[in-house]
Amino acid sequence: MVWKKYDDLLDFIDEKIDTSEPRRAEYFRGYLRGIHFHVHGSLEETTQKHARFFNGPDVDSGDPYLDAFARGYRDGCKGRKPEDN
């Protein structure tokens, strides 16, 4: 990923977090953590938390905010474009 594009993506995500309704903002918060992992290959959270968000119990927790965060985290880790709807 080209750094200019990465910086633009981070600006886009920050704007979305600030302007989205709460559940969408959680998706973008998760995406931000995931894309950081994708680009830098490092974890801000423990390996256990990474596994929980990626394919563990938080994937379909029943909590719409946690589910949105986990979905965003997975999208970011996989280097996908963020959802924008």
PDB file of N, CA and C in Angstrom:
ATOM      1  N   MET A   1       0.848  -1.177   0.000  1.00  0.00           N
ATOM      2  CA  MET A   1       0.000   0.000   0.000  1.00  0.00           C
ATOM      3  C   MET A   1       0.892   1.238   0.000  1.00  0.00           C
ATOM      4  N   VAL A   2       0.628   2.167  -0.872  1.00  0.00           N
ATOM      5  CA  VAL A   2       1.390   3.412  -0.964  1.00  0.00           C
ATOM      6  C   VAL A   2       1.027   4.286   0.232  1.00  0.00           C
ATOM      7  N   TRP A   3       2.028   4.898   0.853  1.00  0.00           N
ATOM      8  CA  TRP A   3       1.778   5.657   2.079  1.00  0.00           C
ATOM      9  C   TRP A   3       0.814   6.815   1.876  1.00  0.00           C
ATOM     10  N   LYS A   4       0.873   7.498   0.744  1.00  0.00           N
ATOM     11  CA  LYS A   4      -0.075   8.593   0.513  1.00  0.00           C
ATOM     12  C   LYS A   4      -1.497   8.056   0.532  1.00  0.00           C
ATOM     13  N   LYS A   5      -1.714   6.938  -0.133  1.00  0.00           N
ATOM     14  CA  LYS A   5      -3.039   6.332  -0.129  1.00  0.00           C
ATOM     15  C   LYS A   5      -3.424   5.885   1.274  1.00  0.00           C
ATOM     16  N   TYR A   6      -2.461   5.357   2.025  1.00  0.00           N
ATOM     17  CA  TYR A   6      -2.728   4.930   3.399  1.00  0.00           C
ATOM     18  C   TYR A   6      -3.138   6.122   4.253  1.00  0.00           C
ATOM     19  N   ASP A   7      -2.415   7.228   4.129  1.00  0.00           N
ATOM     20  CA  ASP A   7      -2.765   8.440   4.879  1.00  0.00           C
ATOM     21  C   ASP A   7      -4.152   8.933   4.501  1.00  0.00           C
ATOM     22  N   ASP A   8      -4.477   8.884   3.220  1.00  0.00           N
ATOM     23  CA  ASP A   8      -5.812   9.287   2.776  1.00  0.00           C
ATOM     24  C   ASP A   8      -6.876   8.364   3.366  1.00  0.00           C
ATOM     25  N   LEU A   9      -6.581   7.084   3.412  1.00  0.00           N
ATOM     26  CA  LEU A   9      -7.514   6.122   3.991  1.00  0.00           C
ATOM     27  C   LEU A   9      -7.729   6.414   5.471  1.00  0.00           C
ATOM     28  N   LEU A  10      -6.669   6.692   6.203  1.00  0.00           N
ATOM     29  CA  LEU A  10      -6.800   7.008   7.630  1.00  0.00           C
ATOM     30  C   LEU A  10      -7.645   8.258   7.840  1.00  0.00           C
ATOM     31  N   ASP A  11      -7.446   9.269   7.005  1.00  0.00           N
ATOM     32  CA  ASP A  11      -8.268  10.484   7.098  1.00  0.00           C
ATOM     33  C   ASP A  11      -9.733  10.170   6.835  1.00  0.00           C
ATOM     34  N   PHE A  12      -9.990   9.341   5.831  1.00  0.00           N
ATOM     35  CA  PHE A  12     -11.356   8.932   5.501  1.00  0.00           C
ATOM     36  C   PHE A  12     -11.997   8.205   6.685  1.00  0.00           C
ATOM     37  N   ILE A  13     -11.256   7.265   7.277  1.00  0.00           N
ATOM     38  CA  ILE A  13     -11.775   6.489   8.403  1.00  0.00           C
ATOM     39  C   ILE A  13     -12.058   7.399   9.593  1.00  0.00           C
ATOM     40  N   ASP A  14     -11.139   8.311   9.906  1.00  0.00           N
ATOM     41  CA  ASP A  14     -11.363   9.247  11.014  1.00  0.00           C
ATOM     42  C   ASP A  14     -12.627  10.067  10.797  1.00  0.00           C
ATOM     43  N   GLU A  15     -12.827  10.522   9.573  1.00  0.00           N
ATOM     44  CA  GLU A  15     -14.028  11.297   9.265  1.00  0.00           C
ATOM     45  C   GLU A  15     -15.285  10.453   9.451  1.00  0.00           C
ATOM     46  N   LYS A  16     -15.232   9.207   8.989  1.00  0.00           N
ATOM     47  CA  LYS A  16     -16.380   8.308   9.126  1.00  0.00           C
ATOM     48  C   LYS A  16     -16.690   8.017  10.590  1.00  0.00           C
ATOM     49  N   ILE A  17     -15.667   7.840  11.403  1.00  0.00           N
ATOM     50  CA  ILE A  17     -15.893   7.607  12.837  1.00  0.00           C
ATOM     51  C   ILE A  17     -16.609   8.803  13.453  1.00  0.00           C
ATOM     52  N   ASP A  18     -16.186  10.007  13.075  1.00  0.00           N
ATOM     53  CA  ASP A  18     -16.765  11.225  13.640  1.00  0.00           C
ATOM     54  C   ASP A  18     -18.176  11.517  13.153  1.00  0.00           C
ATOM     55  N   THR A  19     -18.525  11.082  11.939  1.00  0.00           N
ATOM     56  CA  THR A  19     -19.800  11.496  11.349  1.00  0.00           C
ATOM     57  C   THR A  19     -20.831  10.379  11.219  1.00  0.00           C
ATOM     58  N   SER A  20     -20.471   9.159  11.525  1.00  0.00           N
ATOM     59  CA  SER A  20     -21.399   8.034  11.351  1.00  0.00           C
ATOM     60  C   SER A  20     -22.241   7.821  12.599  1.00  0.00           C
ATOM     61  N   GLU A  21     -23.378   7.140  12.395  1.00  0.00           N
ATOM     62  CA  GLU A  21     -24.180   6.743  13.546  1.00  0.00           C
ATOM     63  C   GLU A  21     -23.351   5.737  14.351  1.00  0.00           C
ATOM     64  N   PRO A  22     -23.679   5.522  15.621  1.00  0.00           N
ATOM     65  CA  PRO A  22     -22.805   4.755  16.515  1.00  0.00           C
ATOM     66  C   PRO A  22     -22.395   3.366  16.026  1.00  0.00           C
ATOM     67  N   ARG A  23     -23.310   2.592  15.475  1.00  0.00           N
ATOM     68  CA  ARG A  23     -22.939   1.244  15.041  1.00  0.00           C
ATOM     69  C   ARG A  23     -21.975   1.299  13.856  1.00  0.00           C
ATOM     70  N   ARG A  24     -22.203   2.208  12.904  1.00  0.00           N
ATOM     71  CA  ARG A  24     -21.281   2.368  11.770  1.00  0.00           C
ATOM     72  C   ARG A  24     -19.920   2.855  12.264  1.00  0.00           C
ATOM     73  N   ALA A  25     -19.932   3.749  13.247  1.00  0.00           N
ATOM     74  CA  ALA A  25     -18.668   4.240  13.807  1.00  0.00           C
ATOM     75  C   ALA A  25     -17.864   3.091  14.412  1.00  0.00           C
ATOM     76  N   GLU A  26     -18.543   2.122  15.032  1.00  0.00           N
ATOM     77  CA  GLU A  26     -17.840   0.957  15.584  1.00  0.00           C
ATOM     78  C   GLU A  26     -17.217   0.125  14.476  1.00  0.00           C
ATOM     79  N   TYR A  27     -17.915  -0.016  13.354  1.00  0.00           N
ATOM     80  CA  TYR A  27     -17.327  -0.720  12.208  1.00  0.00           C
ATOM     81  C   TYR A  27     -16.012  -0.039  11.816  1.00  0.00           C
ATOM     82  N   PHE A  28     -16.040   1.285  11.701  1.00  0.00           N
ATOM     83  CA  PHE A  28     -14.845   2.010  11.268  1.00  0.00           C
ATOM     84  C   PHE A  28     -13.746   1.980  12.326  1.00  0.00           C
ATOM     85  N   ARG A  29     -14.104   1.958  13.609  1.00  0.00           N
ATOM     86  CA  ARG A  29     -13.079   1.806  14.654  1.00  0.00           C
ATOM     87  C   ARG A  29     -12.389   0.446  14.518  1.00  0.00           C
ATOM     88  N   GLY A  30     -13.184  -0.596  14.292  1.00  0.00           N
ATOM     89  CA  GLY A  30     -12.603  -1.923  14.080  1.00  0.00           C
ATOM     90  C   GLY A  30     -11.749  -1.964  12.828  1.00  0.00           C
ATOM     91  N   TYR A  31     -12.244  -1.336  11.765  1.00  0.00           N
ATOM     92  CA  TYR A  31     -11.499  -1.310  10.508  1.00  0.00           C
ATOM     93  C   TYR A  31     -10.146  -0.622  10.713  1.00  0.00           C
ATOM     94  N   LEU A  32     -10.133   0.463  11.442  1.00  0.00           N
ATOM     95  CA  LEU A  32      -8.888   1.199  11.689  1.00  0.00           C
ATOM     96  C   LEU A  32      -7.863   0.305  12.378  1.00  0.00           C
ATOM     97  N   ARG A  33      -8.290  -0.463  13.383  1.00  0.00           N
ATOM     98  CA  ARG A  33      -7.359  -1.374  14.063  1.00  0.00           C
ATOM     99  C   ARG A  33      -6.901  -2.484  13.139  1.00  0.00           C
ATOM    100  N   GLY A  34      -7.824  -2.994  12.325  1.00  0.00           N
ATOM    101  CA  GLY A  34      -7.479  -4.074  11.412  1.00  0.00           C
ATOM    102  C   GLY A  34      -6.536  -3.639  10.308  1.00  0.00           C
ATOM    103  N   ILE A  35      -6.759  -2.462   9.744  1.00  0.00           N
ATOM    104  CA  ILE A  35      -5.891  -1.997   8.654  1.00  0.00           C
ATOM    105  C   ILE A  35      -4.499  -1.684   9.196  1.00  0.00           C
ATOM    106  N   HIS A  36      -4.439  -1.246  10.436  1.00  0.00           N
ATOM    107  CA  HIS A  36      -3.133  -1.028  11.076  1.00  0.00           C
ATOM    108  C   HIS A  36      -2.378  -2.364  11.126  1.00  0.00           C
ATOM    109  N   PHE A  37      -3.065  -3.420  11.519  1.00  0.00           N
ATOM    110  CA  PHE A  37      -2.441  -4.739  11.549  1.00  0.00           C
ATOM    111  C   PHE A  37      -2.020  -5.168  10.141  1.00  0.00           C
ATOM    112  N   HIS A  38      -2.884  -4.951   9.166  1.00  0.00           N
ATOM    113  CA  HIS A  38      -2.594  -5.346   7.787  1.00  0.00           C
ATOM    114  C   HIS A  38      -1.343  -4.645   7.245  1.00  0.00           C
ATOM    115  N   VAL A  39      -1.224  -3.366   7.497  1.00  0.00           N
ATOM    116  CA  VAL A  39      -0.123  -2.577   6.946  1.00  0.00           C
ATOM    117  C   VAL A  39       1.170  -2.761   7.741  1.00  0.00           C
ATOM    118  N   HIS A  40       1.061  -2.732   9.062  1.00  0.00           N
ATOM    119  CA  HIS A  40       2.267  -2.751   9.897  1.00  0.00           C
ATOM    120  C   HIS A  40       2.632  -4.138  10.413  1.00  0.00           C
ATOM    121  N   GLY A  41       1.679  -5.062  10.359  1.00  0.00           N
ATOM    122  CA  GLY A  41       1.954  -6.411  10.838  1.00  0.00           C
ATOM    123  C   GLY A  41       2.147  -6.501  12.335  1.00  0.00           C
ATOM    124  N   SER A  42       1.615  -5.530  13.062  1.00  0.00           N
ATOM    125  CA  SER A  42       1.756  -5.560  14.513  1.00  0.00           C
ATOM    126  C   SER A  42       0.380  -5.424  15.146  1.00  0.00           C
ATOM    127  N   LEU A  43       0.309  -5.856  16.381  1.00  0.00           N
ATOM    128  CA  LEU A  43      -0.957  -5.824  17.101  1.00  0.00           C
ATOM    129  C   LEU A  43      -0.906  -4.826  18.246  1.00  0.00           C
ATOM    130  N   GLU A  44      -1.934  -3.997  18.335  1.00  0.00           N
ATOM    131  CA  GLU A  44      -2.077  -3.148  19.510  1.00  0.00           C
ATOM    132  C   GLU A  44      -2.711  -3.954  20.641  1.00  0.00           C
ATOM    133  N   GLU A  45      -3.475  -4.971  20.270  1.00  0.00           N
ATOM    134  CA  GLU A  45      -4.114  -5.805  21.263  1.00  0.00           C
ATOM    135  C   GLU A  45      -3.395  -7.140  21.363  1.00  0.00           C
ATOM    136  N   THR A  46      -3.783  -7.920  22.326  1.00  0.00           N
ATOM    137  CA  THR A  46      -3.153  -9.218  22.510  1.00  0.00           C
ATOM    138  C   THR A  46      -3.548 -10.163  21.379  1.00  0.00           C
ATOM    139  N   THR A  47      -2.795 -11.227  21.245  1.00  0.00           N
ATOM    140  CA  THR A  47      -3.106 -12.242  20.246  1.00  0.00           C
ATOM    141  C   THR A  47      -4.486 -12.844  20.511  1.00  0.00           C
ATOM    142  N   GLN A  48      -4.862 -12.984  21.778  1.00  0.00           N
ATOM    143  CA  GLN A  48      -6.173 -13.527  22.114  1.00  0.00           C
ATOM    144  C   GLN A  48      -7.295 -12.615  21.624  1.00  0.00           C
ATOM    145  N   LYS A  49      -7.138 -11.310  21.787  1.00  0.00           N
ATOM    146  CA  LYS A  49      -8.158 -10.381  21.300  1.00  0.00           C
ATOM    147  C   LYS A  49      -8.219 -10.413  19.782  1.00  0.00           C
ATOM    148  N   HIS A  50      -7.073 -10.500  19.130  1.00  0.00           N
ATOM    149  CA  HIS A  50      -7.042 -10.585  17.674  1.00  0.00           C
ATOM    150  C   HIS A  50      -7.854 -11.800  17.218  1.00  0.00           C
ATOM    151  N   ALA A  51      -7.636 -12.927  17.836  1.00  0.00           N
ATOM    152  CA  ALA A  51      -8.362 -14.147  17.470  1.00  0.00           C
ATOM    153  C   ALA A  51      -9.855 -13.995  17.740  1.00  0.00           C
ATOM    154  N   ARG A  52     -10.217 -13.339  18.826  1.00  0.00           N
ATOM    155  CA  ARG A  52     -11.639 -13.144  19.139  1.00  0.00           C
ATOM    156  C   ARG A  52     -12.320 -12.296  18.082  1.00  0.00           C
ATOM    157  N   PHE A  53     -11.678 -11.216  17.666  1.00  0.00           N
ATOM    158  CA  PHE A  53     -12.289 -10.326  16.673  1.00  0.00           C
ATOM    159  C   PHE A  53     -12.275 -10.947  15.288  1.00  0.00           C
ATOM    160  N   PHE A  54     -11.274 -11.767  15.015  1.00  0.00           N
ATOM    161  CA  PHE A  54     -11.126 -12.287  13.658  1.00  0.00           C
ATOM    162  C   PHE A  54     -12.014 -13.492  13.381  1.00  0.00           C
ATOM    163  N   ASN A  55     -12.049 -14.440  14.297  1.00  0.00           N
ATOM    164  CA  ASN A  55     -12.877 -15.623  14.038  1.00  0.00           C
ATOM    165  C   ASN A  55     -13.382 -16.291  15.298  1.00  0.00           C
ATOM    166  N   GLY A  56     -13.393 -15.574  16.381  1.00  0.00           N
ATOM    167  CA  GLY A  56     -13.808 -16.154  17.648  1.00  0.00           C
ATOM    168  C   GLY A  56     -15.214 -15.757  18.064  1.00  0.00           C
ATOM    169  N   PRO A  57     -15.457 -15.745  19.359  1.00  0.00           N
ATOM    170  CA  PRO A  57     -16.814 -15.526  19.867  1.00  0.00           C
ATOM    171  C   PRO A  57     -17.383 -14.136  19.597  1.00  0.00           C
ATOM    172  N   ASP A  58     -16.546 -13.156  19.301  1.00  0.00           N
ATOM    173  CA  ASP A  58     -17.064 -11.809  19.050  1.00  0.00           C
ATOM    174  C   ASP A  58     -17.559 -11.627  17.622  1.00  0.00           C
ATOM    175  N   VAL A  59     -17.397 -12.638  16.781  1.00  0.00           N
ATOM    176  CA  VAL A  59     -17.829 -12.523  15.395  1.00  0.00           C
ATOM    177  C   VAL A  59     -19.350 -12.399  15.314  1.00  0.00           C
ATOM    178  N   ASP A  60     -20.074 -13.217  16.032  1.00  0.00           N
ATOM    179  CA  ASP A  60     -21.539 -13.155  16.085  1.00  0.00           C
ATOM    180  C   ASP A  60     -21.977 -13.135  17.537  1.00  0.00           C
ATOM    181  N   SER A  61     -21.623 -12.083  18.232  1.00  0.00           N
ATOM    182  CA  SER A  61     -21.845 -12.016  19.673  1.00  0.00           C
ATOM    183  C   SER A  61     -23.294 -11.740  20.049  1.00  0.00           C
ATOM    184  N   GLY A  62     -24.070 -11.198  19.112  1.00  0.00           N
ATOM    185  CA  GLY A  62     -25.423 -10.766  19.445  1.00  0.00           C
ATOM    186  C   GLY A  62     -25.469  -9.292  19.815  1.00  0.00           C
ATOM    187  N   ASP A  63     -24.314  -8.701  20.095  1.00  0.00           N
ATOM    188  CA  ASP A  63     -24.223  -7.268  20.366  1.00  0.00           C
ATOM    189  C   ASP A  63     -23.934  -6.584  19.033  1.00  0.00           C
ATOM    190  N   PRO A  64     -24.861  -5.760  18.529  1.00  0.00           N
ATOM    191  CA  PRO A  64     -24.658  -5.177  17.197  1.00  0.00           C
ATOM    192  C   PRO A  64     -23.421  -4.288  17.098  1.00  0.00           C
ATOM    193  N   TYR A  65     -23.027  -3.664  18.189  1.00  0.00           N
ATOM    194  CA  TYR A  65     -21.858  -2.788  18.162  1.00  0.00           C
ATOM    195  C   TYR A  65     -20.572  -3.608  18.132  1.00  0.00           C
ATOM    196  N   LEU A  66     -20.514  -4.654  18.934  1.00  0.00           N
ATOM    197  CA  LEU A  66     -19.343  -5.529  18.936  1.00  0.00           C
ATOM    198  C   LEU A  66     -19.237  -6.285  17.614  1.00  0.00           C
ATOM    199  N   ASP A  67     -20.371  -6.715  17.077  1.00  0.00           N
ATOM    200  CA  ASP A  67     -20.365  -7.389  15.777  1.00  0.00           C
ATOM    201  C   ASP A  67     -19.846  -6.455  14.679  1.00  0.00           C
ATOM    202  N   ALA A  68     -20.272  -5.198  14.716  1.00  0.00           N
ATOM    203  CA  ALA A  68     -19.819  -4.225  13.719  1.00  0.00           C
ATOM    204  C   ALA A  68     -18.312  -3.993  13.849  1.00  0.00           C
ATOM    205  N   PHE A  69     -17.817  -3.856  15.088  1.00  0.00           N
ATOM    206  CA  PHE A  69     -16.385  -3.673  15.317  1.00  0.00           C
ATOM    207  C   PHE A  69     -15.611  -4.874  14.765  1.00  0.00           C
ATOM    208  N   ALA A  70     -16.073  -6.090  15.087  1.00  0.00           N
ATOM    209  CA  ALA A  70     -15.380  -7.301  14.641  1.00  0.00           C
ATOM    210  C   ALA A  70     -15.395  -7.414  13.116  1.00  0.00           C
ATOM    211  N   ARG A  71     -16.525  -7.061  12.485  1.00  0.00           N
ATOM    212  CA  ARG A  71     -16.598  -7.107  11.018  1.00  0.00           C
ATOM    213  C   ARG A  71     -15.621  -6.108  10.397  1.00  0.00           C
ATOM    214  N   GLY A  72     -15.557  -4.902  10.955  1.00  0.00           N
ATOM    215  CA  GLY A  72     -14.610  -3.907  10.473  1.00  0.00           C
ATOM    216  C   GLY A  72     -13.172  -4.351  10.681  1.00  0.00           C
ATOM    217  N   TYR A  73     -12.902  -4.948  11.829  1.00  0.00           N
ATOM    218  CA  TYR A  73     -11.557  -5.435  12.122  1.00  0.00           C
ATOM    219  C   TYR A  73     -11.138  -6.489  11.095  1.00  0.00           C
ATOM    220  N   ARG A  74     -12.021  -7.431  10.814  1.00  0.00           N
ATOM    221  CA  ARG A  74     -11.710  -8.471   9.825  1.00  0.00           C
ATOM    222  C   ARG A  74     -11.470  -7.869   8.447  1.00  0.00           C
ATOM    223  N   ASP A  75     -12.327  -6.927   8.038  1.00  0.00           N
ATOM    224  CA  ASP A  75     -12.141  -6.288   6.729  1.00  0.00           C
ATOM    225  C   ASP A  75     -10.797  -5.587   6.646  1.00  0.00           C
ATOM    226  N   GLY A  76     -10.432  -4.878   7.709  1.00  0.00           N
ATOM    227  CA  GLY A  76      -9.148  -4.183   7.725  1.00  0.00           C
ATOM    228  C   GLY A  76      -7.976  -5.141   7.695  1.00  0.00           C
ATOM    229  N   CYS A  77      -8.041  -6.205   8.494  1.00  0.00           N
ATOM    230  CA  CYS A  77      -6.951  -7.195   8.524  1.00  0.00           C
ATOM    231  C   CYS A  77      -6.743  -7.842   7.167  1.00  0.00           C
ATOM    232  N   LYS A  78      -7.816  -8.014   6.423  1.00  0.00           N
ATOM    233  CA  LYS A  78      -7.726  -8.644   5.111  1.00  0.00           C
ATOM    234  C   LYS A  78      -7.348  -7.644   4.019  1.00  0.00           C
ATOM    235  N   GLY A  79      -7.240  -6.360   4.380  1.00  0.00           N
ATOM    236  CA  GLY A  79      -6.880  -5.338   3.402  1.00  0.00           C
ATOM    237  C   GLY A  79      -8.006  -4.978   2.446  1.00  0.00           C
ATOM    238  N   ARG A  80      -9.228  -5.292   2.820  1.00  0.00           N
ATOM    239  CA  ARG A  80     -10.379  -4.958   1.983  1.00  0.00           C
ATOM    240  C   ARG A  80     -10.668  -3.461   2.069  1.00  0.00           C
ATOM    241  N   LYS A  81     -11.363  -2.970   1.061  1.00  0.00           N
ATOM    242  CA  LYS A  81     -11.850  -1.591   1.141  1.00  0.00           C
ATOM    243  C   LYS A  81     -12.930  -1.545   2.211  1.00  0.00           C
ATOM    244  N   PRO A  82     -12.986  -0.439   2.961  1.00  0.00           N
ATOM    245  CA  PRO A  82     -14.024  -0.360   3.997  1.00  0.00           C
ATOM    246  C   PRO A  82     -15.416  -0.224   3.378  1.00  0.00           C
ATOM    247  N   GLU A  83     -16.388  -0.756   4.106  1.00  0.00           N
ATOM    248  CA  GLU A  83     -17.774  -0.572   3.698  1.00  0.00           C
ATOM    249  C   GLU A  83     -18.073   0.917   3.766  1.00  0.00           C
ATOM    250  N   ASP A  84     -18.809   1.416   2.799  1.00  0.00           N
ATOM    251  CA  ASP A  84     -19.165   2.847   2.831  1.00  0.00           C
ATOM    252  C   ASP A  84     -20.622   2.992   2.427  1.00  0.00           C
ATOM    253  N   ASN A  85     -21.491   2.474   3.272  1.00  0.00           N
ATOM    254  CA  ASN A  85     -22.918   2.619   3.014  1.00  0.00           C
ATOM    255  C   ASN A  85     -23.667   2.800   4.289  1.00  0.00           C
TER     256      ASN A  85
END
